[in-house]
Amino acid sequence: MNFSPFADIRNRLHAQALALVEKATGDVDEVLVDALLEVCSFLEDSAQSVAPIVAVERDVHSSTGVYHLTVRRLSTSVPVGKFQIIITRELASGLIY
């Protein structure tokens, strides 16, 4: 049996990620859930390196719109593997004059 860090993160965090995405978007958007879990897995893998990455920002395009993920690994968390997550959706922006 092969050990996959992404599978471990997915198993451990999937239910919580699903609930957070549903709270943020009003629906279960699997594209957003998968992107969120992928970023968490990347940050967890990076924690093992000499110069770990502590935060990632990513735009996710789904059928309901474009969402911006900000995910930060909490380096001092016990147990390890806790993340601070912000999900935003830009409905409209610009400069008018």
N, C-alpha and C. Protein backbone atom coordinates (compact mmCIF):
# COMPACT_ATOMS: atom_id res chain seq x y z
N MET A 1 0.84 -1.19 0.00
CA MET A 1 0.00 0.00 0.00
C MET A 1 0.88 1.25 0.00
N ASN A 2 0.66 2.15 -0.92
CA ASN A 2 1.44 3.37 -1.01
C ASN A 2 0.84 4.44 -0.11
N PHE A 3 1.70 5.18 0.55
CA PHE A 3 1.27 6.28 1.39
C PHE A 3 1.28 7.56 0.57
N SER A 4 0.18 8.25 0.55
CA SER A 4 0.09 9.51 -0.19
C SER A 4 -0.25 10.63 0.79
N PRO A 5 0.64 11.63 0.90
CA PRO A 5 0.35 12.75 1.81
C PRO A 5 -0.96 13.46 1.45
N PHE A 6 -1.26 13.58 0.14
CA PHE A 6 -2.50 14.23 -0.26
C PHE A 6 -3.70 13.41 0.21
N ALA A 7 -3.62 12.09 0.11
CA ALA A 7 -4.72 11.24 0.57
C ALA A 7 -4.91 11.39 2.07
N ASP A 8 -3.81 11.51 2.81
CA ASP A 8 -3.90 11.70 4.27
C ASP A 8 -4.59 13.02 4.60
N ILE A 9 -4.18 14.10 3.94
CA ILE A 9 -4.81 15.41 4.16
C ILE A 9 -6.27 15.34 3.78
N ARG A 10 -6.59 14.73 2.63
CA ARG A 10 -7.97 14.63 2.17
C ARG A 10 -8.83 13.88 3.19
N ASN A 11 -8.33 12.76 3.69
CA ASN A 11 -9.09 11.98 4.67
C ASN A 11 -9.30 12.75 5.96
N ARG A 12 -8.28 13.46 6.38
CA ARG A 12 -8.33 14.15 7.66
C ARG A 12 -9.15 15.44 7.61
N LEU A 13 -9.09 16.16 6.50
CA LEU A 13 -9.68 17.49 6.45
C LEU A 13 -10.92 17.62 5.55
N HIS A 14 -11.29 16.57 4.83
CA HIS A 14 -12.35 16.69 3.82
C HIS A 14 -13.67 17.19 4.41
N ALA A 15 -14.12 16.62 5.50
CA ALA A 15 -15.42 17.01 6.07
C ALA A 15 -15.41 18.48 6.51
N GLN A 16 -14.30 18.91 7.11
CA GLN A 16 -14.20 20.30 7.56
C GLN A 16 -14.11 21.26 6.36
N ALA A 17 -13.37 20.87 5.33
CA ALA A 17 -13.25 21.70 4.13
C ALA A 17 -14.60 21.83 3.43
N LEU A 18 -15.33 20.74 3.36
CA LEU A 18 -16.66 20.75 2.75
C LEU A 18 -17.58 21.71 3.49
N ALA A 19 -17.58 21.64 4.82
CA ALA A 19 -18.44 22.52 5.63
C ALA A 19 -18.04 23.98 5.46
N LEU A 20 -16.74 24.26 5.39
CA LEU A 20 -16.28 25.64 5.24
C LEU A 20 -16.65 26.19 3.87
N VAL A 21 -16.48 25.40 2.83
CA VAL A 21 -16.85 25.83 1.48
C VAL A 21 -18.35 26.07 1.38
N GLU A 22 -19.13 25.19 1.97
CA GLU A 22 -20.58 25.36 1.96
C GLU A 22 -20.99 26.64 2.70
N LYS A 23 -20.32 26.91 3.81
CA LYS A 23 -20.61 28.14 4.56
C LYS A 23 -20.25 29.38 3.75
N ALA A 24 -19.13 29.32 3.03
CA ALA A 24 -18.66 30.48 2.27
C ALA A 24 -19.46 30.72 0.99
N THR A 25 -19.90 29.64 0.35
CA THR A 25 -20.52 29.77 -0.97
C THR A 25 -22.02 29.49 -0.97
N GLY A 26 -22.52 28.86 0.08
CA GLY A 26 -23.93 28.49 0.12
C GLY A 26 -24.21 27.17 -0.56
N ASP A 27 -23.18 26.50 -1.06
CA ASP A 27 -23.33 25.24 -1.76
C ASP A 27 -22.03 24.44 -1.63
N VAL A 28 -22.11 23.17 -1.89
CA VAL A 28 -20.91 22.33 -1.89
C VAL A 28 -20.31 22.38 -3.29
N ASP A 29 -19.20 23.07 -3.42
CA ASP A 29 -18.51 23.22 -4.70
C ASP A 29 -17.26 22.36 -4.64
N GLU A 30 -17.31 21.18 -5.29
CA GLU A 30 -16.20 20.23 -5.21
C GLU A 30 -14.90 20.78 -5.80
N VAL A 31 -15.01 21.63 -6.80
CA VAL A 31 -13.80 22.24 -7.38
C VAL A 31 -13.08 23.05 -6.32
N LEU A 32 -13.83 23.80 -5.55
CA LEU A 32 -13.26 24.64 -4.49
C LEU A 32 -12.73 23.78 -3.34
N VAL A 33 -13.46 22.73 -2.98
CA VAL A 33 -13.01 21.82 -1.92
C VAL A 33 -11.69 21.16 -2.32
N ASP A 34 -11.62 20.66 -3.55
CA ASP A 34 -10.39 20.01 -4.02
C ASP A 34 -9.21 20.98 -4.04
N ALA A 35 -9.45 22.21 -4.49
CA ALA A 35 -8.39 23.22 -4.52
C ALA A 35 -7.91 23.53 -3.10
N LEU A 36 -8.83 23.64 -2.18
CA LEU A 36 -8.49 23.92 -0.79
C LEU A 36 -7.64 22.80 -0.18
N LEU A 37 -8.04 21.57 -0.42
CA LEU A 37 -7.28 20.43 0.11
C LEU A 37 -5.92 20.31 -0.56
N GLU A 38 -5.85 20.64 -1.84
CA GLU A 38 -4.57 20.61 -2.55
C GLU A 38 -3.59 21.63 -1.97
N VAL A 39 -4.08 22.83 -1.68
CA VAL A 39 -3.23 23.87 -1.09
C VAL A 39 -2.76 23.44 0.31
N CYS A 40 -3.67 22.89 1.10
CA CYS A 40 -3.29 22.43 2.45
C CYS A 40 -2.22 21.34 2.36
N SER A 41 -2.38 20.42 1.42
CA SER A 41 -1.39 19.36 1.23
C SER A 41 -0.04 19.94 0.82
N PHE A 42 -0.05 20.91 -0.09
CA PHE A 42 1.18 21.56 -0.53
C PHE A 42 1.89 22.23 0.65
N LEU A 43 1.14 22.95 1.47
CA LEU A 43 1.74 23.63 2.62
C LEU A 43 2.29 22.64 3.64
N GLU A 44 1.58 21.54 3.82
CA GLU A 44 2.05 20.51 4.75
C GLU A 44 3.34 19.88 4.25
N ASP A 45 3.41 19.59 2.95
CA ASP A 45 4.64 19.04 2.36
C ASP A 45 5.79 20.04 2.49
N SER A 46 5.48 21.30 2.27
CA SER A 46 6.50 22.34 2.32
C SER A 46 7.07 22.50 3.74
N ALA A 47 6.29 22.17 4.73
CA ALA A 47 6.74 22.30 6.12
C ALA A 47 7.95 21.42 6.41
N GLN A 48 8.16 20.39 5.61
CA GLN A 48 9.29 19.48 5.82
C GLN A 48 10.57 19.98 5.17
N SER A 49 10.49 21.07 4.42
CA SER A 49 11.66 21.57 3.71
C SER A 49 12.47 22.53 4.58
N VAL A 50 13.64 22.91 4.09
CA VAL A 50 14.53 23.82 4.79
C VAL A 50 13.92 25.22 4.89
N ALA A 51 13.24 25.65 3.83
CA ALA A 51 12.62 26.97 3.79
C ALA A 51 11.12 26.80 3.48
N PRO A 52 10.35 26.47 4.51
CA PRO A 52 8.94 26.17 4.27
C PRO A 52 8.12 27.39 3.84
N ILE A 53 7.16 27.14 2.99
CA ILE A 53 6.19 28.16 2.59
C ILE A 53 5.08 28.13 3.63
N VAL A 54 4.69 29.29 4.11
CA VAL A 54 3.70 29.32 5.18
C VAL A 54 2.31 29.75 4.71
N ALA A 55 2.22 30.34 3.51
CA ALA A 55 0.91 30.80 3.03
C ALA A 55 0.86 30.74 1.52
N VAL A 56 -0.35 30.50 1.01
CA VAL A 56 -0.58 30.45 -0.43
C VAL A 56 -1.88 31.18 -0.72
N GLU A 57 -1.87 31.97 -1.79
CA GLU A 57 -3.09 32.58 -2.30
C GLU A 57 -3.34 32.00 -3.68
N ARG A 58 -4.59 31.69 -3.95
CA ARG A 58 -4.91 31.03 -5.23
C ARG A 58 -6.32 31.41 -5.67
N ASP A 59 -6.47 31.70 -6.95
CA ASP A 59 -7.79 31.92 -7.54
C ASP A 59 -8.32 30.58 -8.05
N VAL A 60 -9.59 30.32 -7.76
CA VAL A 60 -10.22 29.08 -8.19
C VAL A 60 -11.43 29.44 -9.04
N HIS A 61 -11.45 28.94 -10.27
CA HIS A 61 -12.57 29.19 -11.18
C HIS A 61 -13.51 27.99 -11.13
N SER A 62 -14.76 28.25 -10.78
CA SER A 62 -15.75 27.18 -10.76
C SER A 62 -16.98 27.64 -11.53
N SER A 63 -17.96 26.78 -11.60
CA SER A 63 -19.17 27.12 -12.36
C SER A 63 -19.97 28.24 -11.71
N THR A 64 -19.74 28.50 -10.43
CA THR A 64 -20.48 29.55 -9.73
C THR A 64 -19.72 30.86 -9.64
N GLY A 65 -18.51 30.90 -10.14
CA GLY A 65 -17.74 32.13 -10.11
C GLY A 65 -16.28 31.90 -9.81
N VAL A 66 -15.59 32.99 -9.54
CA VAL A 66 -14.17 32.93 -9.20
C VAL A 66 -14.03 33.22 -7.71
N TYR A 67 -13.34 32.34 -7.03
CA TYR A 67 -13.11 32.49 -5.59
C TYR A 67 -11.63 32.65 -5.34
N HIS A 68 -11.30 33.41 -4.32
CA HIS A 68 -9.90 33.62 -3.95
C HIS A 68 -9.66 32.91 -2.61
N LEU A 69 -8.71 31.99 -2.61
CA LEU A 69 -8.34 31.27 -1.39
C LEU A 69 -7.08 31.88 -0.81
N THR A 70 -7.10 32.11 0.48
CA THR A 70 -5.90 32.47 1.21
C THR A 70 -5.76 31.42 2.31
N VAL A 71 -4.70 30.65 2.26
CA VAL A 71 -4.50 29.57 3.22
C VAL A 71 -3.14 29.76 3.87
N ARG A 72 -3.14 29.75 5.20
CA ARG A 72 -1.89 29.91 5.97
C ARG A 72 -1.76 28.73 6.92
N ARG A 73 -0.60 28.07 6.86
CA ARG A 73 -0.32 26.98 7.79
C ARG A 73 0.11 27.57 9.11
N LEU A 74 -0.52 27.14 10.17
CA LEU A 74 -0.15 27.64 11.50
C LEU A 74 1.02 26.80 12.00
N SER A 75 2.20 27.37 11.97
CA SER A 75 3.42 26.61 12.23
C SER A 75 3.57 26.19 13.69
N THR A 76 2.89 26.86 14.58
CA THR A 76 3.04 26.50 16.00
C THR A 76 1.86 25.68 16.51
N SER A 77 1.02 25.19 15.60
CA SER A 77 -0.17 24.46 16.03
C SER A 77 0.18 23.08 16.58
N VAL A 78 -0.57 22.67 17.57
CA VAL A 78 -0.44 21.33 18.13
C VAL A 78 -1.84 20.74 18.15
N PRO A 79 -2.13 19.67 17.42
CA PRO A 79 -1.20 18.93 16.57
C PRO A 79 -0.90 19.72 15.30
N VAL A 80 0.15 19.31 14.61
CA VAL A 80 0.53 20.00 13.39
C VAL A 80 -0.56 19.82 12.34
N GLY A 81 -0.54 20.70 11.35
CA GLY A 81 -1.49 20.56 10.26
C GLY A 81 -2.76 21.37 10.42
N LYS A 82 -2.69 22.45 11.20
CA LYS A 82 -3.84 23.35 11.30
C LYS A 82 -3.63 24.50 10.32
N PHE A 83 -4.74 24.97 9.74
CA PHE A 83 -4.67 25.99 8.71
C PHE A 83 -5.67 27.09 8.98
N GLN A 84 -5.29 28.31 8.67
CA GLN A 84 -6.20 29.44 8.68
C GLN A 84 -6.61 29.66 7.23
N ILE A 85 -7.93 29.70 6.98
CA ILE A 85 -8.43 29.75 5.61
C ILE A 85 -9.40 30.91 5.44
N ILE A 86 -9.20 31.67 4.37
CA ILE A 86 -10.12 32.74 4.01
C ILE A 86 -10.56 32.48 2.57
N ILE A 87 -11.88 32.47 2.37
CA ILE A 87 -12.45 32.29 1.04
C ILE A 87 -13.25 33.55 0.71
N THR A 88 -12.89 34.21 -0.37
CA THR A 88 -13.63 35.41 -0.77
C THR A 88 -14.04 35.27 -2.22
N ARG A 89 -15.08 36.01 -2.55
CA ARG A 89 -15.55 36.05 -3.94
C ARG A 89 -15.71 37.51 -4.32
N GLU A 90 -15.03 37.89 -5.36
CA GLU A 90 -15.10 39.27 -5.81
C GLU A 90 -16.27 39.40 -6.77
N LEU A 91 -17.31 40.05 -6.32
CA LEU A 91 -18.48 40.20 -7.16
C LEU A 91 -18.27 41.28 -8.20
N ALA A 92 -17.67 42.38 -7.79
CA ALA A 92 -17.38 43.46 -8.74
C ALA A 92 -16.33 44.35 -8.14
N SER A 93 -15.44 44.82 -8.96
CA SER A 93 -14.46 45.78 -8.49
C SER A 93 -14.03 46.62 -9.67
N GLY A 94 -13.45 47.74 -9.38
CA GLY A 94 -12.98 48.58 -10.44
C GLY A 94 -12.85 50.01 -9.97
N LEU A 95 -12.48 50.83 -10.88
CA LEU A 95 -12.31 52.25 -10.60
C LEU A 95 -13.20 53.01 -11.57
N ILE A 96 -14.04 53.85 -11.01
CA ILE A 96 -14.88 54.70 -11.87
C ILE A 96 -14.59 56.14 -11.54
N TYR A 97 -14.67 57.00 -12.53
CA TYR A 97 -14.41 58.43 -12.31
C TYR A 97 -15.09 59.26 -13.36
